[in-house]
């Protein structure tokens, strides 16, 4: 993932707290979790005000009307990428499905 590595090196990568929680929940050993925490602490974590969360709800509703059920955390991640005008790095297929209905830019 050269583009992600480049974004990390240049300080352009942003981390949602929800994504941090999901990543840490997948860490198998305490040492792995410790290393991951240290890495994640170096990333910028944007503040998400109430307006962002309103948009998350609207996004979930919009996608539900299209027949796509999306969790609140996944809608938050997508909305954060939309708000920031950036790329979303994910292997999760739900984001590809979402991108069929919204202008989400995904790199996998």
PDB file of N, CA and C in Angstrom:
ATOM      1  N   UNK A   1       0.833  -1.179   0.000  1.00  0.00           N
ATOM      2  CA  UNK A   1       0.000   0.000   0.000  1.00  0.00           C
ATOM      3  C   UNK A   1       0.880   1.246   0.000  1.00  0.00           C
ATOM      4  N   UNK A   2       1.518   1.507  -1.111  1.00  0.00           N
ATOM      5  CA  UNK A   2       2.441   2.641  -1.168  1.00  0.00           C
ATOM      6  C   UNK A   2       1.777   3.987  -0.876  1.00  0.00           C
ATOM      7  N   UNK A   3       0.528   4.153  -1.304  1.00  0.00           N
ATOM      8  CA  UNK A   3      -0.135   5.438  -1.061  1.00  0.00           C
ATOM      9  C   UNK A   3      -0.392   5.659   0.426  1.00  0.00           C
ATOM     10  N   UNK A   4      -0.722   4.611   1.130  1.00  0.00           N
ATOM     11  CA  UNK A   4      -0.932   4.724   2.568  1.00  0.00           C
ATOM     12  C   UNK A   4       0.389   5.008   3.271  1.00  0.00           C
ATOM     13  N   UNK A   5       1.424   4.291   2.888  1.00  0.00           N
ATOM     14  CA  UNK A   5       2.741   4.535   3.479  1.00  0.00           C
ATOM     15  C   UNK A   5       3.180   5.975   3.251  1.00  0.00           C
ATOM     16  N   UNK A   6       2.930   6.482   2.055  1.00  0.00           N
ATOM     17  CA  UNK A   6       3.274   7.869   1.730  1.00  0.00           C
ATOM     18  C   UNK A   6       2.473   8.837   2.605  1.00  0.00           C
ATOM     19  N   UNK A   7       1.180   8.586   2.763  1.00  0.00           N
ATOM     20  CA  UNK A   7       0.332   9.446   3.602  1.00  0.00           C
ATOM     21  C   UNK A   7       0.800   9.422   5.049  1.00  0.00           C
ATOM     22  N   UNK A   8       1.195   8.254   5.527  1.00  0.00           N
ATOM     23  CA  UNK A   8       1.703   8.144   6.897  1.00  0.00           C
ATOM     24  C   UNK A   8       3.005   8.919   7.054  1.00  0.00           C
ATOM     25  N   UNK A   9       3.923   8.750   6.112  1.00  0.00           N
ATOM     26  CA  UNK A   9       5.216   9.437   6.180  1.00  0.00           C
ATOM     27  C   UNK A   9       5.073  10.944   6.101  1.00  0.00           C
ATOM     28  N   UNK A  10       4.105  11.402   5.315  1.00  0.00           N
ATOM     29  CA  UNK A  10       3.905  12.843   5.136  1.00  0.00           C
ATOM     30  C   UNK A  10       2.967  13.449   6.182  1.00  0.00           C
ATOM     31  N   UNK A  11       2.459  12.639   7.085  1.00  0.00           N
ATOM     32  CA  UNK A  11       1.580  13.149   8.136  1.00  0.00           C
ATOM     33  C   UNK A  11       0.188  13.502   7.649  1.00  0.00           C
ATOM     34  N   UNK A  12      -0.246  12.900   6.562  1.00  0.00           N
ATOM     35  CA  UNK A  12      -1.574  13.197   6.015  1.00  0.00           C
ATOM     36  C   UNK A  12      -2.644  12.198   6.457  1.00  0.00           C
ATOM     37  N   UNK A  13      -2.240  11.114   7.094  1.00  0.00           N
ATOM     38  CA  UNK A  13      -3.202  10.089   7.525  1.00  0.00           C
ATOM     39  C   UNK A  13      -3.937  10.568   8.773  1.00  0.00           C
ATOM     40  N   UNK A  14      -5.220  10.278   8.839  1.00  0.00           N
ATOM     41  CA  UNK A  14      -6.071  10.629   9.983  1.00  0.00           C
ATOM     42  C   UNK A  14      -6.658   9.349  10.549  1.00  0.00           C
ATOM     43  N   UNK A  15      -6.910   9.339  11.847  1.00  0.00           N
ATOM     44  CA  UNK A  15      -7.405   8.149  12.515  1.00  0.00           C
ATOM     45  C   UNK A  15      -8.680   8.461  13.275  1.00  0.00           C
ATOM     46  N   UNK A  16      -9.730   7.766  12.942  1.00  0.00           N
ATOM     47  CA  UNK A  16     -10.970   7.860  13.702  1.00  0.00           C
ATOM     48  C   UNK A  16     -10.793   7.057  14.986  1.00  0.00           C
ATOM     49  N   UNK A  17     -11.276   7.560  16.119  1.00  0.00           N
ATOM     50  CA  UNK A  17     -11.196   6.782  17.358  1.00  0.00           C
ATOM     51  C   UNK A  17     -11.889   5.422  17.249  1.00  0.00           C
ATOM     52  N   UNK A  18     -12.948   5.344  16.460  1.00  0.00           N
ATOM     53  CA  UNK A  18     -13.644   4.069  16.270  1.00  0.00           C
ATOM     54  C   UNK A  18     -12.716   3.069  15.589  1.00  0.00           C
ATOM     55  N   UNK A  19     -11.956   3.517  14.624  1.00  0.00           N
ATOM     56  CA  UNK A  19     -11.018   2.630  13.928  1.00  0.00           C
ATOM     57  C   UNK A  19      -9.912   2.198  14.885  1.00  0.00           C
ATOM     58  N   UNK A  20      -9.440   3.107  15.723  1.00  0.00           N
ATOM     59  CA  UNK A  20      -8.425   2.742  16.720  1.00  0.00           C
ATOM     60  C   UNK A  20      -8.945   1.629  17.623  1.00  0.00           C
ATOM     61  N   UNK A  21     -10.182   1.749  18.079  1.00  0.00           N
ATOM     62  CA  UNK A  21     -10.779   0.722  18.934  1.00  0.00           C
ATOM     63  C   UNK A  21     -10.870  -0.615  18.202  1.00  0.00           C
ATOM     64  N   UNK A  22     -11.281  -0.592  16.945  1.00  0.00           N
ATOM     65  CA  UNK A  22     -11.394  -1.832  16.180  1.00  0.00           C
ATOM     66  C   UNK A  22     -10.026  -2.476  15.959  1.00  0.00           C
ATOM     67  N   UNK A  23      -9.035  -1.660  15.641  1.00  0.00           N
ATOM     68  CA  UNK A  23      -7.695  -2.203  15.430  1.00  0.00           C
ATOM     69  C   UNK A  23      -7.139  -2.820  16.704  1.00  0.00           C
ATOM     70  N   UNK A  24      -7.296  -2.134  17.818  1.00  0.00           N
ATOM     71  CA  UNK A  24      -6.777  -2.653  19.086  1.00  0.00           C
ATOM     72  C   UNK A  24      -7.506  -3.914  19.534  1.00  0.00           C
ATOM     73  N   UNK A  25      -8.779  -4.027  19.195  1.00  0.00           N
ATOM     74  CA  UNK A  25      -9.525  -5.226  19.588  1.00  0.00           C
ATOM     75  C   UNK A  25      -9.020  -6.459  18.848  1.00  0.00           C
ATOM     76  N   UNK A  26      -8.330  -6.248  17.736  1.00  0.00           N
ATOM     77  CA  UNK A  26      -7.794  -7.363  16.970  1.00  0.00           C
ATOM     78  C   UNK A  26      -6.377  -7.752  17.360  1.00  0.00           C
ATOM     79  N   UNK A  27      -5.758  -6.961  18.235  1.00  0.00           N
ATOM     80  CA  UNK A  27      -4.392  -7.279  18.669  1.00  0.00           C
ATOM     81  C   UNK A  27      -4.417  -8.529  19.549  1.00  0.00           C
ATOM     82  N   UNK A  28      -3.610  -9.511  19.219  1.00  0.00           N
ATOM     83  CA  UNK A  28      -3.644 -10.803  19.909  1.00  0.00           C
ATOM     84  C   UNK A  28      -2.908 -10.781  21.253  1.00  0.00           C
ATOM     85  N   UNK A  29      -1.741 -10.218  21.275  1.00  0.00           N
ATOM     86  CA  UNK A  29      -0.923 -10.233  22.492  1.00  0.00           C
ATOM     87  C   UNK A  29      -0.795  -8.823  23.055  1.00  0.00           C
ATOM     88  N   UNK A  30      -0.483  -8.758  24.325  1.00  0.00           N
ATOM     89  CA  UNK A  30      -0.294  -7.461  24.973  1.00  0.00           C
ATOM     90  C   UNK A  30       0.826  -6.662  24.338  1.00  0.00           C
ATOM     91  N   UNK A  31       1.885  -7.332  23.921  1.00  0.00           N
ATOM     92  CA  UNK A  31       3.006  -6.635  23.291  1.00  0.00           C
ATOM     93  C   UNK A  31       2.590  -6.058  21.939  1.00  0.00           C
ATOM     94  N   UNK A  32       1.758  -6.809  21.216  1.00  0.00           N
ATOM     95  CA  UNK A  32       1.255  -6.331  19.922  1.00  0.00           C
ATOM     96  C   UNK A  32       0.364  -5.100  20.128  1.00  0.00           C
ATOM     97  N   UNK A  33      -0.469  -5.163  21.155  1.00  0.00           N
ATOM     98  CA  UNK A  33      -1.350  -4.036  21.447  1.00  0.00           C
ATOM     99  C   UNK A  33      -0.537  -2.808  21.853  1.00  0.00           C
ATOM    100  N   UNK A  34       0.518  -3.021  22.622  1.00  0.00           N
ATOM    101  CA  UNK A  34       1.373  -1.905  23.061  1.00  0.00           C
ATOM    102  C   UNK A  34       2.028  -1.216  21.864  1.00  0.00           C
ATOM    103  N   UNK A  35       2.545  -2.007  20.929  1.00  0.00           N
ATOM    104  CA  UNK A  35       3.178  -1.452  19.724  1.00  0.00           C
ATOM    105  C   UNK A  35       2.152  -0.709  18.867  1.00  0.00           C
ATOM    106  N   UNK A  36       0.984  -1.297  18.750  1.00  0.00           N
ATOM    107  CA  UNK A  36      -0.070  -0.675  17.952  1.00  0.00           C
ATOM    108  C   UNK A  36      -0.505   0.648  18.573  1.00  0.00           C
ATOM    109  N   UNK A  37      -0.669   0.675  19.877  1.00  0.00           N
ATOM    110  CA  UNK A  37      -1.035   1.927  20.565  1.00  0.00           C
ATOM    111  C   UNK A  37      -0.002   3.015  20.282  1.00  0.00           C
ATOM    112  N   UNK A  38       1.272   2.661  20.390  1.00  0.00           N
ATOM    113  CA  UNK A  38       2.341   3.641  20.161  1.00  0.00           C
ATOM    114  C   UNK A  38       2.271   4.189  18.743  1.00  0.00           C
ATOM    115  N   UNK A  39       2.019   3.306  17.785  1.00  0.00           N
ATOM    116  CA  UNK A  39       1.898   3.731  16.389  1.00  0.00           C
ATOM    117  C   UNK A  39       0.691   4.651  16.193  1.00  0.00           C
ATOM    118  N   UNK A  40      -0.453   4.242  16.732  1.00  0.00           N
ATOM    119  CA  UNK A  40      -1.686   5.003  16.540  1.00  0.00           C
ATOM    120  C   UNK A  40      -1.642   6.368  17.223  1.00  0.00           C
ATOM    121  N   UNK A  41      -0.922   6.465  18.336  1.00  0.00           N
ATOM    122  CA  UNK A  41      -0.826   7.744  19.048  1.00  0.00           C
ATOM    123  C   UNK A  41      -0.147   8.826  18.215  1.00  0.00           C
ATOM    124  N   UNK A  42       0.634   8.410  17.229  1.00  0.00           N
ATOM    125  CA  UNK A  42       1.321   9.380  16.364  1.00  0.00           C
ATOM    126  C   UNK A  42       0.408   9.949  15.273  1.00  0.00           C
ATOM    127  N   UNK A  43      -0.758   9.360  15.084  1.00  0.00           N
ATOM    128  CA  UNK A  43      -1.661   9.816  14.030  1.00  0.00           C
ATOM    129  C   UNK A  43      -2.596  10.900  14.546  1.00  0.00           C
ATOM    130  N   UNK A  44      -2.941  11.806  13.654  1.00  0.00           N
ATOM    131  CA  UNK A  44      -3.898  12.858  14.013  1.00  0.00           C
ATOM    132  C   UNK A  44      -5.292  12.262  14.146  1.00  0.00           C
ATOM    133  N   UNK A  45      -5.975  12.645  15.201  1.00  0.00           N
ATOM    134  CA  UNK A  45      -7.342  12.197  15.438  1.00  0.00           C
ATOM    135  C   UNK A  45      -8.246  13.423  15.376  1.00  0.00           C
ATOM    136  N   UNK A  46      -9.002  13.573  14.299  1.00  0.00           N
ATOM    137  CA  UNK A  46      -9.875  14.742  14.178  1.00  0.00           C
ATOM    138  C   UNK A  46     -10.970  14.741  15.244  1.00  0.00           C
ATOM    139  N   UNK A  47     -11.396  15.924  15.619  1.00  0.00           N
ATOM    140  CA  UNK A  47     -12.537  16.066  16.532  1.00  0.00           C
ATOM    141  C   UNK A  47     -13.813  15.989  15.693  1.00  0.00           C
ATOM    142  N   UNK A  48     -14.769  15.250  16.184  1.00  0.00           N
ATOM    143  CA  UNK A  48     -16.030  15.097  15.463  1.00  0.00           C
ATOM    144  C   UNK A  48     -17.137  15.732  16.294  1.00  0.00           C
ATOM    145  N   UNK A  49     -17.613  16.870  15.819  1.00  0.00           N
ATOM    146  CA  UNK A  49     -18.691  17.565  16.510  1.00  0.00           C
ATOM    147  C   UNK A  49     -20.041  16.937  16.212  1.00  0.00           C
ATOM    148  N   UNK A  50     -21.061  17.484  16.831  1.00  0.00           N
ATOM    149  CA  UNK A  50     -22.405  16.937  16.703  1.00  0.00           C
ATOM    150  C   UNK A  50     -22.900  16.965  15.258  1.00  0.00           C
ATOM    151  N   UNK A  51     -22.491  17.959  14.486  1.00  0.00           N
ATOM    152  CA  UNK A  51     -22.893  18.037  13.084  1.00  0.00           C
ATOM    153  C   UNK A  51     -22.443  16.829  12.289  1.00  0.00           C
ATOM    154  N   UNK A  52     -21.246  16.351  12.596  1.00  0.00           N
ATOM    155  CA  UNK A  52     -20.739  15.141  11.936  1.00  0.00           C
ATOM    156  C   UNK A  52     -21.657  13.966  12.238  1.00  0.00           C
ATOM    157  N   UNK A  53     -22.049  13.828  13.487  1.00  0.00           N
ATOM    158  CA  UNK A  53     -22.889  12.698  13.887  1.00  0.00           C
ATOM    159  C   UNK A  53     -24.285  12.792  13.291  1.00  0.00           C
ATOM    160  N   UNK A  54     -24.773  14.027  13.108  1.00  0.00           N
ATOM    161  CA  UNK A  54     -26.044  14.190  12.394  1.00  0.00           C
ATOM    162  C   UNK A  54     -25.908  13.633  10.978  1.00  0.00           C
ATOM    163  N   UNK A  55     -24.796  13.954  10.328  1.00  0.00           N
ATOM    164  CA  UNK A  55     -24.558  13.479   8.963  1.00  0.00           C
ATOM    165  C   UNK A  55     -24.399  11.960   8.910  1.00  0.00           C
ATOM    166  N   UNK A  56     -23.826  11.377   9.954  1.00  0.00           N
ATOM    167  CA  UNK A  56     -23.720   9.916  10.033  1.00  0.00           C
ATOM    168  C   UNK A  56     -25.115   9.301  10.011  1.00  0.00           C
ATOM    169  N   UNK A  57     -26.021   9.881  10.800  1.00  0.00           N
ATOM    170  CA  UNK A  57     -27.397   9.380  10.823  1.00  0.00           C
ATOM    171  C   UNK A  57     -28.089   9.541   9.486  1.00  0.00           C
ATOM    172  N   UNK A  58     -27.895  10.682   8.848  1.00  0.00           N
ATOM    173  CA  UNK A  58     -28.492  10.926   7.532  1.00  0.00           C
ATOM    174  C   UNK A  58     -27.921   9.953   6.505  1.00  0.00           C
ATOM    175  N   UNK A  59     -26.625   9.700   6.584  1.00  0.00           N
ATOM    176  CA  UNK A  59     -25.991   8.759   5.662  1.00  0.00           C
ATOM    177  C   UNK A  59     -26.566   7.355   5.839  1.00  0.00           C
ATOM    178  N   UNK A  60     -26.712   6.920   7.073  1.00  0.00           N
ATOM    179  CA  UNK A  60     -27.294   5.587   7.319  1.00  0.00           C
ATOM    180  C   UNK A  60     -28.701   5.499   6.743  1.00  0.00           C
ATOM    181  N   UNK A  61     -29.476   6.556   6.928  1.00  0.00           N
ATOM    182  CA  UNK A  61     -30.848   6.566   6.418  1.00  0.00           C
ATOM    183  C   UNK A  61     -30.853   6.528   4.887  1.00  0.00           C
ATOM    184  N   UNK A  62     -29.999   7.331   4.277  1.00  0.00           N
ATOM    185  CA  UNK A  62     -29.907   7.372   2.815  1.00  0.00           C
ATOM    186  C   UNK A  62     -29.555   5.998   2.252  1.00  0.00           C
ATOM    187  N   UNK A  63     -28.577   5.349   2.865  1.00  0.00           N
ATOM    188  CA  UNK A  63     -28.155   4.036   2.389  1.00  0.00           C
ATOM    189  C   UNK A  63     -29.219   2.975   2.649  1.00  0.00           C
ATOM    190  N   UNK A  64     -29.915   3.087   3.772  1.00  0.00           N
ATOM    191  CA  UNK A  64     -30.993   2.133   4.079  1.00  0.00           C
ATOM    192  C   UNK A  64     -32.099   2.227   3.030  1.00  0.00           C
ATOM    193  N   UNK A  65     -32.382   3.433   2.568  1.00  0.00           N
ATOM    194  CA  UNK A  65     -33.397   3.616   1.531  1.00  0.00           C
ATOM    195  C   UNK A  65     -32.978   2.946   0.217  1.00  0.00           C
ATOM    196  N   UNK A  66     -31.679   2.763   0.049  1.00  0.00           N
ATOM    197  CA  UNK A  66     -31.154   2.080  -1.139  1.00  0.00           C
ATOM    198  C   UNK A  66     -31.046   0.570  -0.903  1.00  0.00           C
ATOM    199  N   UNK A  67     -31.427   0.128   0.296  1.00  0.00           N
ATOM    200  CA  UNK A  67     -31.380  -1.292   0.622  1.00  0.00           C
ATOM    201  C   UNK A  67     -30.080  -1.753   1.249  1.00  0.00           C
ATOM    202  N   UNK A  68     -29.240  -0.816   1.658  1.00  0.00           N
ATOM    203  CA  UNK A  68     -27.942  -1.158   2.247  1.00  0.00           C
ATOM    204  C   UNK A  68     -27.942  -0.806   3.729  1.00  0.00           C
ATOM    205  N   UNK A  69     -27.895  -1.813   4.572  1.00  0.00           N
ATOM    206  CA  UNK A  69     -27.844  -1.611   6.018  1.00  0.00           C
ATOM    207  C   UNK A  69     -26.389  -1.426   6.436  1.00  0.00           C
ATOM    208  N   UNK A  70     -26.112  -0.313   7.099  1.00  0.00           N
ATOM    209  CA  UNK A  70     -24.749   0.033   7.492  1.00  0.00           C
ATOM    210  C   UNK A  70     -24.731   0.323   8.991  1.00  0.00           C
ATOM    211  N   UNK A  71     -23.735  -0.205   9.684  1.00  0.00           N
ATOM    212  CA  UNK A  71     -23.614   0.059  11.115  1.00  0.00           C
ATOM    213  C   UNK A  71     -23.240   1.524  11.349  1.00  0.00           C
ATOM    214  N   UNK A  72     -23.532   2.005  12.528  1.00  0.00           N
ATOM    215  CA  UNK A  72     -23.155   3.385  12.868  1.00  0.00           C
ATOM    216  C   UNK A  72     -21.636   3.575  12.796  1.00  0.00           C
ATOM    217  N   UNK A  73     -20.811   2.656  13.328  1.00  0.00           N
ATOM    218  CA  UNK A  73     -19.359   2.846  13.181  1.00  0.00           C
ATOM    219  C   UNK A  73     -18.893   2.909  11.727  1.00  0.00           C
ATOM    220  N   UNK A  74     -19.441   2.042  10.853  1.00  0.00           N
ATOM    221  CA  UNK A  74     -19.035   2.081   9.448  1.00  0.00           C
ATOM    222  C   UNK A  74     -19.498   3.368   8.773  1.00  0.00           C
ATOM    223  N   UNK A  75     -20.696   3.819   9.113  1.00  0.00           N
ATOM    224  CA  UNK A  75     -21.180   5.089   8.554  1.00  0.00           C
ATOM    225  C   UNK A  75     -20.319   6.247   9.039  1.00  0.00           C
ATOM    226  N   UNK A  76     -19.886   6.181  10.288  1.00  0.00           N
ATOM    227  CA  UNK A  76     -19.003   7.228  10.835  1.00  0.00           C
ATOM    228  C   UNK A  76     -17.682   7.270  10.072  1.00  0.00           C
ATOM    229  N   UNK A  77     -17.093   6.107   9.832  1.00  0.00           N
ATOM    230  CA  UNK A  77     -15.814   6.051   9.114  1.00  0.00           C
ATOM    231  C   UNK A  77     -15.981   6.629   7.712  1.00  0.00           C
ATOM    232  N   UNK A  78     -17.042   6.241   7.039  1.00  0.00           N
ATOM    233  CA  UNK A  78     -17.291   6.762   5.691  1.00  0.00           C
ATOM    234  C   UNK A  78     -17.527   8.267   5.724  1.00  0.00           C
ATOM    235  N   UNK A  79     -18.324   8.731   6.668  1.00  0.00           N
ATOM    236  CA  UNK A  79     -18.610  10.157   6.752  1.00  0.00           C
ATOM    237  C   UNK A  79     -17.353  10.953   7.091  1.00  0.00           C
ATOM    238  N   UNK A  80     -16.497  10.390   7.932  1.00  0.00           N
ATOM    239  CA  UNK A  80     -15.233  11.064   8.262  1.00  0.00           C
ATOM    240  C   UNK A  80     -14.379  11.229   7.010  1.00  0.00           C
ATOM    241  N   UNK A  81     -14.339  10.211   6.161  1.00  0.00           N
ATOM    242  CA  UNK A  81     -13.583  10.309   4.909  1.00  0.00           C
ATOM    243  C   UNK A  81     -14.210  11.351   3.993  1.00  0.00           C
ATOM    244  N   UNK A  82     -15.530  11.370   3.937  1.00  0.00           N
ATOM    245  CA  UNK A  82     -16.223  12.368   3.114  1.00  0.00           C
ATOM    246  C   UNK A  82     -15.965  13.771   3.644  1.00  0.00           C
ATOM    247  N   UNK A  83     -16.071  13.936   4.955  1.00  0.00           N
ATOM    248  CA  UNK A  83     -15.848  15.253   5.571  1.00  0.00           C
ATOM    249  C   UNK A  83     -14.450  15.776   5.283  1.00  0.00           C
ATOM    250  N   UNK A  84     -13.469  14.852   5.341  1.00  0.00           N
ATOM    251  CA  UNK A  84     -12.078  15.246   5.137  1.00  0.00           C
ATOM    252  C   UNK A  84     -11.670  15.325   3.682  1.00  0.00           C
ATOM    253  N   UNK A  85     -12.538  14.870   2.779  1.00  0.00           N
ATOM    254  CA  UNK A  85     -12.214  14.907   1.359  1.00  0.00           C
ATOM    255  C   UNK A  85     -11.052  14.009   0.987  1.00  0.00           C
ATOM    256  N   UNK A  86     -10.825  12.988   1.797  1.00  0.00           N
ATOM    257  CA  UNK A  86      -9.679  12.120   1.551  1.00  0.00           C
ATOM    258  C   UNK A  86     -10.058  10.754   1.047  1.00  0.00           C
ATOM    259  N   UNK A  87      -9.062   9.902   1.038  1.00  0.00           N
ATOM    260  CA  UNK A  87      -9.228   8.514   0.622  1.00  0.00           C
ATOM    261  C   UNK A  87      -9.440   7.653   1.860  1.00  0.00           C
ATOM    262  N   UNK A  88     -10.215   6.602   1.698  1.00  0.00           N
ATOM    263  CA  UNK A  88     -10.442   5.650   2.770  1.00  0.00           C
ATOM    264  C   UNK A  88      -9.686   4.372   2.430  1.00  0.00           C
ATOM    265  N   UNK A  89      -8.784   3.965   3.319  1.00  0.00           N
ATOM    266  CA  UNK A  89      -8.028   2.737   3.134  1.00  0.00           C
ATOM    267  C   UNK A  89      -8.732   1.631   3.901  1.00  0.00           C
ATOM    268  N   UNK A  90      -9.282   0.662   3.187  1.00  0.00           N
ATOM    269  CA  UNK A  90      -9.993  -0.426   3.838  1.00  0.00           C
ATOM    270  C   UNK A  90     -10.124  -1.618   2.897  1.00  0.00           C
ATOM    271  N   UNK A  91     -10.132  -2.799   3.513  1.00  0.00           N
ATOM    272  CA  UNK A  91     -10.412  -4.034   2.778  1.00  0.00           C
ATOM    273  C   UNK A  91     -11.848  -4.470   3.014  1.00  0.00           C
ATOM    274  N   UNK A  92     -12.571  -3.748   3.834  1.00  0.00           N
ATOM    275  CA  UNK A  92     -13.943  -4.109   4.202  1.00  0.00           C
ATOM    276  C   UNK A  92     -14.875  -3.836   3.023  1.00  0.00           C
ATOM    277  N   UNK A  93     -15.577  -4.855   2.602  1.00  0.00           N
ATOM    278  CA  UNK A  93     -16.441  -4.763   1.427  1.00  0.00           C
ATOM    279  C   UNK A  93     -17.611  -3.804   1.602  1.00  0.00           C
ATOM    280  N   UNK A  94     -18.003  -3.526   2.842  1.00  0.00           N
ATOM    281  CA  UNK A  94     -19.135  -2.626   3.045  1.00  0.00           C
ATOM    282  C   UNK A  94     -18.850  -1.248   2.465  1.00  0.00           C
ATOM    283  N   UNK A  95     -17.612  -0.812   2.511  1.00  0.00           N
ATOM    284  CA  UNK A  95     -17.281   0.512   1.989  1.00  0.00           C
ATOM    285  C   UNK A  95     -17.380   0.555   0.461  1.00  0.00           C
ATOM    286  N   UNK A  96     -17.039  -0.545  -0.190  1.00  0.00           N
ATOM    287  CA  UNK A  96     -17.212  -0.612  -1.643  1.00  0.00           C
ATOM    288  C   UNK A  96     -18.694  -0.549  -2.001  1.00  0.00           C
ATOM    289  N   UNK A  97     -19.511  -1.224  -1.210  1.00  0.00           N
ATOM    290  CA  UNK A  97     -20.950  -1.170  -1.440  1.00  0.00           C
ATOM    291  C   UNK A  97     -21.482   0.244  -1.220  1.00  0.00           C
ATOM    292  N   UNK A  98     -20.982   0.909  -0.196  1.00  0.00           N
ATOM    293  CA  UNK A  98     -21.405   2.282   0.085  1.00  0.00           C
ATOM    294  C   UNK A  98     -20.995   3.218  -1.058  1.00  0.00           C
ATOM    295  N   UNK A  99     -19.806   2.979  -1.596  1.00  0.00           N
ATOM    296  CA  UNK A  99     -19.283   3.848  -2.659  1.00  0.00           C
ATOM    297  C   UNK A  99     -20.127   3.791  -3.928  1.00  0.00           C
ATOM    298  N   UNK A 100     -20.968   2.779  -4.052  1.00  0.00           N
ATOM    299  CA  UNK A 100     -21.874   2.719  -5.200  1.00  0.00           C
ATOM    300  C   UNK A 100     -22.961   3.789  -5.085  1.00  0.00           C
ATOM    301  N   UNK A 101     -23.192   4.287  -3.865  1.00  0.00           N
ATOM    302  CA  UNK A 101     -24.271   5.251  -3.631  1.00  0.00           C
ATOM    303  C   UNK A 101     -23.796   6.622  -3.170  1.00  0.00           C
ATOM    304  N   UNK A 102     -22.545   6.716  -2.716  1.00  0.00           N
ATOM    305  CA  UNK A 102     -22.036   8.000  -2.229  1.00  0.00           C
ATOM    306  C   UNK A 102     -20.642   8.221  -2.823  1.00  0.00           C
ATOM    307  N   UNK A 103     -20.155   9.467  -2.828  1.00  0.00           N
ATOM    308  CA  UNK A 103     -18.858   9.759  -3.449  1.00  0.00           C
ATOM    309  C   UNK A 103     -17.657   9.406  -2.561  1.00  0.00           C
ATOM    310  N   UNK A 104     -17.628   8.189  -2.067  1.00  0.00           N
ATOM    311  CA  UNK A 104     -16.572   7.713  -1.202  1.00  0.00           C
ATOM    312  C   UNK A 104     -15.418   7.199  -2.054  1.00  0.00           C
ATOM    313  N   UNK A 105     -14.211   7.676  -1.782  1.00  0.00           N
ATOM    314  CA  UNK A 105     -13.022   7.251  -2.530  1.00  0.00           C
ATOM    315  C   UNK A 105     -12.279   6.205  -1.699  1.00  0.00           C
ATOM    316  N   UNK A 106     -12.231   4.987  -2.221  1.00  0.00           N
ATOM    317  CA  UNK A 106     -11.645   3.874  -1.475  1.00  0.00           C
ATOM    318  C   UNK A 106     -10.370   3.380  -2.133  1.00  0.00           C
ATOM    319  N   UNK A 107      -9.390   3.094  -1.291  1.00  0.00           N
ATOM    320  CA  UNK A 107      -8.156   2.456  -1.733  1.00  0.00           C
ATOM    321  C   UNK A 107      -8.027   1.182  -0.923  1.00  0.00           C
ATOM    322  N   UNK A 108      -7.859   0.060  -1.590  1.00  0.00           N
ATOM    323  CA  UNK A 108      -7.691  -1.193  -0.831  1.00  0.00           C
ATOM    324  C   UNK A 108      -6.395  -1.873  -1.200  1.00  0.00           C
TER     325      UNK A 108
END
